[in-house]
Amino acid sequence: MKTRRAFLKLTTTSALVAAAATQTRAAALPPSTATLAAGISGTDDRAAWARLAQKLAHPVLTALAERRLKATMPVEASPKSQDRPSVTHLEALGRLLCGLAPWFELGTDVTPEGLERARLAALARTAIDSATDPKSPDFLNFSKGSQPLVDSAFLAQAMLRAPTELWKKLEPPVQQNVIAALKSSRPIQPGENNWKLFATTVEVFLHAAGAGRDEARLLEGINKHAAWYVGDGMYGDGPEFHWDYYNAFVIQPMLYEALEVVGDETPELKIFRGKVRERLTRFAAIQERLIAPDGTYPVIGRSVAYRCGAFQGLALAALRHLLPAEVKPAQARVALTTVIRRTLEAAGTFDDRGWLRIGVAGSQPGLGESYISTGSLYLCSAALLPLGLPASDPYWSDPSAATTWQKIWSGADLPTDHAIRSPR
């Protein structure tokens, strides 16, 4: 009996603590999250996304277009870091543009959003000119150290995602500067992990731009990740699986997009492209289930300061109409909106000049590894990929829909979830 009474006391106390914690969390939510829980329209969601895209873009693109990024951008980094000032500026440009590129690619229209989108795309082209002109005070580092390979790839990925707005509209001399800058990253050897896909992505862009390609560097990332598939839509980061978000940050998007360009070249690549598409769809299903109704999610593994960029897999699947059948477009929109606004609207996320600060929900510098700095943080923009869908797409036009999490925990009876049986 004594043991039973102690157990009951313990469970009652635990329940009270849990209830109090829930109330505390609810009180701490940003006002926008409470609004989202009520289910606002796709029009309102899109307006909120566009405002955040502008907020992210303004300090980076304005400063770089004016050739004063190095002079004015703060560099927040771990005290253990020594080289971040030499690489953080390219990080900011490449990572920002890789997320906003599909939005820019919609081009201009007469709406306020369309006019602002066109203005920012033009600013981005000027910024690319500044970043790749050897005579510019903001000529960025594409070749010294190892980090530039990473962000050369993110810039290349951005131009693959916006071939008209971020590549074809560049003046020919600027295009030549871009090609030279990207080729200068070739001596950097990628590690035996997701970095293989950075080399692949640079070469895929150079191939698409008609600038020649390094066959070995292009194919190695694809072949390695074919071997590193571990099942149920997930790849290892190298020979081993890591519980983190690198399948979303790098692996799934860059592998999928590389094969969209070169996947018809051989029967083997074509078969693998089909598998990669299927795995991305499964990965999107998993990602949608990870987002709680208040926009929180498991903070696991490396690089959590990339914030909502952790859901690039779901965002890309929505953009490319590769969502699983059980995840309706508006359902993905609700999930992504909650996580985007939870991470980017938290107090302290931006400094008083509009630059991102290290953290997941506000300023949390302890969550930054030694390789994290201000420029790194702009990978959060990758969650905004569905802005590249027109406002008429069901993703934006359909009424808000409950997420899988909301359905199950409200008592809805849903079919069971199953792994896919995609072979290596």
Protein backbone atom coordinates (compact mmCIF):
# COMPACT_ATOMS: atom_id res chain seq x y z
CA MET A 1 0.00 0.00 0.00
CA LYS A 2 2.81 2.35 0.87
CA THR A 3 4.33 1.75 -2.54
CA ARG A 4 0.95 2.28 -4.22
CA ARG A 5 0.38 5.58 -2.35
CA ALA A 6 3.87 6.77 -3.30
CA PHE A 7 3.21 5.86 -6.93
CA LEU A 8 -0.13 7.71 -6.96
CA LYS A 9 1.49 10.75 -5.36
CA LEU A 10 4.28 10.69 -7.93
CA THR A 11 1.94 10.37 -10.93
CA THR A 12 -0.39 13.09 -9.61
CA THR A 13 2.56 15.43 -9.09
CA SER A 14 3.89 14.64 -12.56
CA ALA A 15 0.52 15.36 -14.12
CA LEU A 16 0.29 18.72 -12.34
CA VAL A 17 3.81 19.63 -13.44
CA ALA A 18 3.02 18.64 -17.03
CA ALA A 19 -0.20 20.68 -17.00
CA ALA A 20 1.63 23.71 -15.62
CA ALA A 21 4.36 23.34 -18.23
CA THR A 22 1.75 23.17 -20.99
CA GLN A 23 0.10 26.35 -19.74
CA THR A 24 3.49 28.06 -19.55
CA ARG A 25 4.34 27.05 -23.11
CA ALA A 26 0.97 28.22 -24.39
CA ALA A 27 1.41 31.58 -22.67
CA ALA A 28 4.87 31.92 -24.20
CA LEU A 29 3.75 31.33 -27.80
CA PRO A 30 4.09 34.24 -30.21
CA PRO A 31 0.68 35.86 -30.89
CA SER A 32 0.90 34.70 -34.50
CA THR A 33 0.96 31.06 -33.40
CA ALA A 34 -2.28 31.44 -31.50
CA THR A 35 -3.82 32.94 -34.64
CA LEU A 36 -2.53 30.09 -36.77
CA ALA A 37 -4.12 27.55 -34.48
CA ALA A 38 -7.49 29.05 -35.45
CA GLY A 39 -6.77 28.36 -39.12
CA ILE A 40 -6.29 31.55 -41.12
CA SER A 41 -6.57 31.62 -44.90
CA GLY A 42 -3.98 30.77 -47.50
CA THR A 43 -4.01 34.40 -48.60
CA ASP A 44 -3.04 35.50 -45.09
CA ASP A 45 -0.43 32.75 -44.83
CA ARG A 46 1.16 33.81 -48.12
CA ALA A 47 1.26 37.45 -47.03
CA ALA A 48 3.02 36.42 -43.80
CA TRP A 49 5.55 34.33 -45.75
CA ALA A 50 6.24 37.16 -48.17
CA ARG A 51 6.82 39.60 -45.29
CA LEU A 52 9.34 37.21 -43.75
CA ALA A 53 11.06 36.68 -47.12
CA GLN A 54 11.47 40.44 -47.45
CA LYS A 55 12.74 40.72 -43.88
CA LEU A 56 15.39 38.06 -44.51
CA ALA A 57 16.41 39.46 -47.88
CA HIS A 58 16.63 43.16 -47.16
CA PRO A 59 19.85 43.48 -45.10
CA VAL A 60 21.82 40.90 -47.11
CA LEU A 61 20.87 41.97 -50.62
CA THR A 62 20.87 45.70 -49.97
CA ALA A 63 24.33 45.68 -48.42
CA LEU A 64 25.84 43.41 -51.06
CA ALA A 65 24.25 45.29 -53.95
CA GLU A 66 25.83 48.46 -52.55
CA ARG A 67 29.19 46.63 -52.15
CA ARG A 68 29.32 47.16 -48.41
CA LEU A 69 28.38 43.72 -47.05
CA LYS A 70 31.83 43.01 -45.60
CA ALA A 71 31.91 46.46 -44.05
CA THR A 72 28.50 46.31 -42.39
CA MET A 73 27.38 42.72 -41.76
CA PRO A 74 27.84 41.59 -38.14
CA VAL A 75 29.58 38.26 -37.64
CA GLU A 76 28.17 36.43 -34.65
CA ALA A 77 30.05 33.17 -34.11
CA SER A 78 31.37 30.83 -31.45
CA PRO A 79 34.44 32.11 -29.58
CA LYS A 80 36.12 28.92 -30.78
CA SER A 81 35.77 29.98 -34.43
CA GLN A 82 38.68 31.68 -36.16
CA ASP A 83 37.80 31.68 -39.87
CA ARG A 84 34.15 32.71 -39.97
CA PRO A 85 34.71 36.30 -41.16
CA SER A 86 36.32 34.92 -44.32
CA VAL A 87 33.38 32.67 -45.25
CA THR A 88 30.21 34.02 -43.64
CA HIS A 89 29.33 36.50 -46.39
CA LEU A 90 29.08 33.87 -49.13
CA GLU A 91 27.07 31.76 -46.70
CA ALA A 92 24.55 34.57 -46.34
CA LEU A 93 24.17 35.10 -50.09
CA GLY A 94 24.01 31.47 -51.20
CA ARG A 95 21.72 30.28 -48.43
CA LEU A 96 19.33 33.20 -48.66
CA LEU A 97 18.95 32.84 -52.42
CA CYS A 98 18.56 29.05 -52.42
CA GLY A 99 15.32 29.49 -50.47
CA LEU A 100 13.95 32.57 -52.22
CA ALA A 101 14.88 31.57 -55.77
CA PRO A 102 11.59 29.84 -56.69
CA TRP A 103 9.68 32.91 -55.49
CA PHE A 104 11.85 35.18 -57.63
CA GLU A 105 11.34 32.87 -60.61
CA LEU A 106 7.62 33.71 -60.65
CA GLY A 107 8.65 37.05 -62.14
CA THR A 108 6.83 40.33 -61.78
CA ASP A 109 3.12 41.11 -61.80
CA VAL A 110 1.00 44.12 -60.88
CA THR A 111 0.26 42.99 -57.30
CA PRO A 112 2.21 44.56 -54.42
CA GLU A 113 3.82 41.17 -53.83
CA GLY A 114 4.77 40.81 -57.50
CA LEU A 115 6.34 44.25 -57.64
CA GLU A 116 8.33 43.65 -54.44
CA ARG A 117 9.39 40.21 -55.68
CA ALA A 118 10.71 41.75 -58.91
CA ARG A 119 12.54 44.46 -56.96
CA LEU A 120 14.25 41.91 -54.75
CA ALA A 121 15.15 39.69 -57.72
CA ALA A 122 16.82 42.65 -59.43
CA LEU A 123 18.63 43.44 -56.19
CA ALA A 124 19.76 39.80 -56.01
CA ARG A 125 21.26 40.01 -59.51
CA THR A 126 23.19 43.12 -58.51
CA ALA A 127 24.33 41.32 -55.37
CA ILE A 128 25.58 38.36 -57.42
CA ASP A 129 27.53 40.80 -59.58
CA SER A 130 29.11 42.37 -56.49
CA ALA A 131 29.95 38.97 -55.02
CA THR A 132 31.70 37.60 -58.11
CA ASP A 133 33.43 40.69 -59.52
CA PRO A 134 37.15 40.40 -58.66
CA LYS A 135 37.33 44.22 -58.56
CA SER A 136 34.52 44.53 -56.02
CA PRO A 137 35.30 45.26 -52.35
CA ASP A 138 32.67 42.58 -51.72
CA PHE A 139 34.25 39.94 -53.97
CA LEU A 140 33.53 36.85 -51.91
CA ASN A 141 35.66 33.87 -51.01
CA PHE A 142 34.92 30.91 -53.28
CA SER A 143 38.20 29.06 -52.92
CA LYS A 144 40.14 29.58 -49.67
CA GLY A 145 39.61 26.94 -47.00
CA SER A 146 36.94 24.25 -47.28
CA GLN A 147 33.71 26.09 -46.41
CA PRO A 148 33.40 27.92 -49.76
CA LEU A 149 32.53 24.66 -51.50
CA VAL A 150 29.39 24.45 -49.38
CA ASP A 151 28.14 27.91 -50.22
CA SER A 152 29.23 27.82 -53.84
CA ALA A 153 26.79 24.90 -54.00
CA PHE A 154 23.97 26.81 -52.32
CA LEU A 155 24.46 29.67 -54.80
CA ALA A 156 24.50 27.17 -57.67
CA GLN A 157 21.35 25.58 -56.27
CA ALA A 158 19.67 28.99 -56.21
CA MET A 159 20.47 29.56 -59.88
CA LEU A 160 19.18 26.10 -60.78
CA ARG A 161 15.95 26.98 -59.01
CA ALA A 162 15.64 30.37 -60.75
CA PRO A 163 17.29 29.89 -64.15
CA THR A 164 15.63 32.97 -65.62
CA GLU A 165 15.69 35.49 -62.80
CA LEU A 166 19.04 34.60 -61.24
CA TRP A 167 20.99 33.36 -64.26
CA LYS A 168 19.69 34.26 -67.72
CA LYS A 169 19.00 37.87 -66.72
CA LEU A 170 22.60 38.36 -65.60
CA GLU A 171 24.74 40.33 -68.04
CA PRO A 172 27.22 38.10 -69.95
CA PRO A 173 30.30 39.47 -68.10
CA VAL A 174 28.59 38.71 -64.78
CA GLN A 175 27.77 35.20 -65.96
CA GLN A 176 31.44 34.67 -66.78
CA ASN A 177 32.43 35.92 -63.33
CA VAL A 178 29.95 33.52 -61.72
CA ILE A 179 31.33 30.59 -63.71
CA ALA A 180 34.91 31.49 -62.81
CA ALA A 181 33.99 31.85 -59.13
CA LEU A 182 32.24 28.48 -59.00
CA LYS A 183 35.04 26.73 -60.87
CA SER A 184 37.53 28.14 -58.37
CA SER A 185 35.90 25.91 -55.72
CA ARG A 186 36.91 22.74 -57.59
CA PRO A 187 40.23 22.18 -55.78
CA ILE A 188 38.28 21.82 -52.50
CA GLN A 189 37.84 18.11 -51.82
CA PRO A 190 34.55 17.12 -50.19
CA GLY A 191 34.52 14.84 -47.16
CA GLU A 192 32.98 11.38 -47.12
CA ASN A 193 29.52 12.69 -46.24
CA ASN A 194 26.84 15.06 -47.50
CA TRP A 195 29.60 17.35 -48.81
CA LYS A 196 29.84 15.10 -51.87
CA LEU A 197 26.57 16.68 -53.00
CA PHE A 198 28.01 20.18 -52.79
CA ALA A 199 30.54 19.26 -55.44
CA THR A 200 27.78 17.55 -57.43
CA THR A 201 25.53 20.61 -57.31
CA VAL A 202 28.24 22.99 -58.50
CA GLU A 203 28.97 20.70 -61.44
CA VAL A 204 25.29 20.23 -62.27
CA PHE A 205 24.84 23.99 -62.49
CA LEU A 206 27.97 24.45 -64.62
CA HIS A 207 26.68 21.71 -66.93
CA ALA A 208 23.23 23.35 -67.15
CA ALA A 209 24.88 26.71 -67.88
CA GLY A 210 26.89 25.22 -70.75
CA ALA A 211 30.18 25.83 -68.93
CA GLY A 212 31.44 22.25 -68.93
CA ARG A 213 31.45 19.83 -66.05
CA ASP A 214 33.82 17.68 -64.04
CA GLU A 215 32.26 14.27 -64.64
CA ALA A 216 33.82 12.61 -61.60
CA ARG A 217 32.77 15.34 -59.16
CA LEU A 218 29.25 15.43 -60.57
CA LEU A 219 28.60 11.69 -60.40
CA GLU A 220 30.38 10.88 -57.17
CA GLY A 221 27.80 12.57 -54.94
CA ILE A 222 24.98 10.76 -56.72
CA ASN A 223 26.65 7.35 -56.62
CA LYS A 224 27.74 7.67 -53.02
CA HIS A 225 24.24 8.53 -51.83
CA ALA A 226 22.78 5.65 -53.80
CA ALA A 227 24.99 3.44 -51.65
CA TRP A 228 24.26 5.36 -48.44
CA TYR A 229 20.50 4.87 -48.52
CA VAL A 230 19.43 3.32 -45.20
CA GLY A 231 15.73 2.75 -45.82
CA ASP A 232 12.28 4.33 -45.36
CA GLY A 233 13.16 7.48 -47.27
CA MET A 234 16.36 8.25 -45.35
CA TYR A 235 20.03 8.47 -46.35
CA GLY A 236 23.09 8.17 -44.19
CA ASP A 237 25.35 11.20 -43.91
CA GLY A 238 28.20 9.13 -45.23
CA PRO A 239 28.25 5.42 -44.41
CA GLU A 240 26.48 6.03 -41.07
CA PHE A 241 23.05 7.41 -40.26
CA HIS A 242 22.92 10.59 -38.16
CA TRP A 243 19.83 11.69 -36.24
CA ASP A 244 19.77 15.26 -37.43
CA TYR A 245 18.17 17.28 -40.22
CA TYR A 246 20.83 16.94 -42.90
CA ASN A 247 18.48 14.89 -45.06
CA ALA A 248 16.49 18.15 -45.26
CA PHE A 249 19.30 20.72 -45.19
CA VAL A 250 21.29 19.10 -48.00
CA ILE A 251 20.85 15.48 -48.99
CA GLN A 252 17.30 15.05 -50.26
CA PRO A 253 17.06 18.44 -52.06
CA MET A 254 20.44 18.39 -53.76
CA LEU A 255 20.17 14.75 -54.79
CA TYR A 256 16.68 15.24 -56.20
CA GLU A 257 17.57 18.43 -58.06
CA ALA A 258 20.77 17.00 -59.53
CA LEU A 259 18.84 14.09 -60.97
CA GLU A 260 16.18 16.39 -62.37
CA VAL A 261 18.94 17.78 -64.59
CA VAL A 262 21.00 14.67 -65.45
CA GLY A 263 18.58 11.85 -64.68
CA ASP A 264 17.82 11.05 -68.32
CA GLU A 265 21.45 10.53 -69.29
CA THR A 266 21.60 6.78 -68.55
CA PRO A 267 19.05 4.06 -67.75
CA GLU A 268 20.65 3.64 -64.32
CA LEU A 269 20.29 7.33 -63.47
CA LYS A 270 16.70 7.32 -64.68
CA ILE A 271 15.83 4.39 -62.40
CA PHE A 272 17.57 6.03 -59.47
CA ARG A 273 15.73 9.31 -60.11
CA GLY A 274 12.43 7.48 -59.68
CA LYS A 275 13.59 6.08 -56.35
CA VAL A 276 14.80 9.49 -55.19
CA ARG A 277 11.43 11.03 -55.97
CA GLU A 278 9.63 8.28 -54.05
CA ARG A 279 11.97 8.73 -51.08
CA LEU A 280 11.48 12.49 -51.04
CA THR A 281 7.72 11.94 -50.88
CA ARG A 282 8.13 9.57 -47.94
CA PHE A 283 10.51 11.99 -46.23
CA ALA A 284 7.91 14.75 -46.63
CA ALA A 285 5.34 12.53 -44.91
CA ILE A 286 7.71 12.07 -41.97
CA GLN A 287 8.53 15.76 -41.78
CA GLU A 288 4.86 16.79 -41.75
CA ARG A 289 4.28 14.52 -38.74
CA LEU A 290 7.18 16.10 -36.82
CA ILE A 291 5.62 19.58 -36.62
CA ALA A 292 3.44 20.15 -33.58
CA PRO A 293 0.37 22.43 -33.81
CA ASP A 294 2.28 25.18 -31.98
CA GLY A 295 5.15 25.06 -34.49
CA THR A 296 7.61 23.26 -32.21
CA TYR A 297 9.51 20.17 -33.35
CA PRO A 298 12.27 17.87 -32.03
CA VAL A 299 15.50 19.85 -31.74
CA ILE A 300 17.95 17.08 -32.56
CA GLY A 301 21.49 16.92 -33.89
CA ARG A 302 23.76 19.38 -35.62
CA SER A 303 23.03 22.79 -37.10
CA VAL A 304 19.74 23.41 -35.33
CA ALA A 305 20.38 27.16 -35.71
CA TYR A 306 19.22 26.82 -39.31
CA ARG A 307 15.78 26.95 -37.71
CA CYS A 308 12.85 26.15 -40.04
CA GLY A 309 15.32 25.23 -42.80
CA ALA A 310 15.13 21.82 -41.12
CA PHE A 311 11.89 21.32 -43.09
CA GLN A 312 13.26 21.92 -46.58
CA GLY A 313 12.28 18.37 -47.52
CA LEU A 314 8.59 19.03 -46.89
CA ALA A 315 8.85 22.46 -48.53
CA LEU A 316 10.51 21.04 -51.66
CA ALA A 317 7.97 18.23 -51.97
CA ALA A 318 5.19 20.82 -51.79
CA LEU A 319 6.88 23.02 -54.39
CA ARG A 320 7.38 20.13 -56.82
CA HIS A 321 3.93 18.58 -56.21
CA LEU A 322 5.48 15.46 -54.68
CA LEU A 323 3.56 15.41 -51.41
CA PRO A 324 2.20 12.03 -50.28
CA ALA A 325 -1.48 11.39 -50.93
CA GLU A 326 -2.31 11.64 -47.24
CA VAL A 327 -0.80 15.14 -46.94
CA LYS A 328 -2.95 17.65 -48.79
CA PRO A 329 -1.23 20.82 -50.03
CA ALA A 330 -3.10 23.07 -47.58
CA GLN A 331 -2.21 20.67 -44.78
CA ALA A 332 1.49 21.06 -45.60
CA ARG A 333 0.97 24.83 -45.74
CA VAL A 334 -0.47 24.89 -42.23
CA ALA A 335 2.39 22.77 -40.87
CA LEU A 336 5.09 24.85 -42.54
CA THR A 337 3.46 28.15 -41.63
CA THR A 338 3.41 27.25 -37.96
CA VAL A 339 7.07 26.22 -37.88
CA ILE A 340 8.24 29.16 -39.99
CA ARG A 341 6.48 31.72 -37.84
CA ARG A 342 7.40 29.96 -34.60
CA THR A 343 11.11 30.17 -35.42
CA LEU A 344 11.32 33.45 -37.32
CA GLU A 345 8.89 35.54 -35.28
CA ALA A 346 10.25 34.60 -31.86
CA ALA A 347 11.53 37.61 -29.91
CA GLY A 348 15.28 38.07 -30.37
CA THR A 349 15.52 36.23 -33.70
CA PHE A 350 16.80 39.41 -35.42
CA ASP A 351 19.12 42.07 -34.07
CA ASP A 352 18.18 45.74 -34.06
CA ARG A 353 19.47 46.14 -37.65
CA GLY A 354 17.53 43.18 -39.00
CA TRP A 355 20.27 40.53 -39.12
CA LEU A 356 19.59 36.99 -37.96
CA ARG A 357 20.99 35.84 -34.63
CA ILE A 358 22.05 32.34 -33.61
CA GLY A 359 19.25 30.27 -32.10
CA VAL A 360 16.10 28.27 -32.75
CA ALA A 361 13.52 30.36 -30.90
CA GLY A 362 15.14 33.74 -30.39
CA SER A 363 18.76 34.48 -29.50
CA GLN A 364 20.42 31.29 -28.20
CA PRO A 365 24.12 31.52 -29.09
CA GLY A 366 24.89 28.32 -27.18
CA LEU A 367 23.05 26.39 -29.91
CA GLY A 368 25.66 27.32 -32.49
CA GLU A 369 28.50 24.97 -33.33
CA SER A 370 31.98 26.28 -34.11
CA TYR A 371 31.12 26.41 -37.83
CA ILE A 372 27.95 28.48 -37.30
CA SER A 373 27.99 32.23 -37.89
CA THR A 374 25.59 34.93 -39.01
CA GLY A 375 25.71 33.97 -42.68
CA SER A 376 25.03 30.30 -41.92
CA LEU A 377 21.66 31.13 -40.42
CA TYR A 378 20.08 32.18 -43.71
CA LEU A 379 19.48 28.55 -44.64
CA CYS A 380 16.20 29.06 -42.79
CA SER A 381 14.95 30.56 -46.06
CA ALA A 382 14.74 27.04 -47.52
CA ALA A 383 11.44 26.52 -45.69
CA LEU A 384 9.95 29.26 -47.90
CA LEU A 385 10.32 27.30 -51.16
CA PRO A 386 6.53 26.99 -51.73
CA LEU A 387 6.37 30.75 -52.24
CA GLY A 388 7.45 29.72 -55.73
CA LEU A 389 3.95 28.31 -56.29
CA PRO A 390 1.53 30.86 -57.72
CA ALA A 391 -1.23 32.15 -55.44
CA SER A 392 -3.73 30.15 -57.51
CA ASP A 393 -2.08 26.81 -56.64
CA PRO A 394 -4.12 24.65 -54.21
CA TYR A 395 -1.26 24.97 -51.75
CA TRP A 396 -2.34 28.60 -51.26
CA SER A 397 -5.92 28.66 -52.50
CA ASP A 398 -7.37 25.70 -50.60
CA PRO A 399 -8.83 26.31 -47.12
CA SER A 400 -6.56 25.59 -44.16
CA ALA A 401 -6.49 21.89 -43.28
CA ALA A 402 -5.60 20.10 -40.06
CA THR A 403 -2.18 18.45 -39.93
CA THR A 404 -1.71 14.75 -39.20
CA TRP A 405 -0.66 15.65 -35.65
CA GLN A 406 -3.82 17.69 -35.12
CA LYS A 407 -6.06 14.99 -36.58
CA ILE A 408 -4.69 12.12 -34.52
CA TRP A 409 -4.48 13.98 -31.20
CA SER A 410 -8.00 15.33 -31.63
CA GLY A 411 -9.28 11.75 -31.88
CA ALA A 412 -9.61 11.30 -35.64
CA ASP A 413 -9.34 7.71 -36.87
CA LEU A 414 -6.65 7.61 -39.57
CA PRO A 415 -4.98 4.78 -41.49
CA THR A 416 -1.73 3.50 -40.02
CA ASP A 417 1.61 4.86 -41.22
CA HIS A 418 3.93 2.50 -43.12
CA ALA A 419 7.54 2.51 -44.25
CA ILE A 420 8.24 2.36 -47.97
CA ARG A 421 9.97 -0.68 -49.41
CA SER A 422 12.18 1.18 -51.85
CA PRO A 423 15.27 -0.98 -52.60
CA ARG A 424 18.75 0.40 -52.78
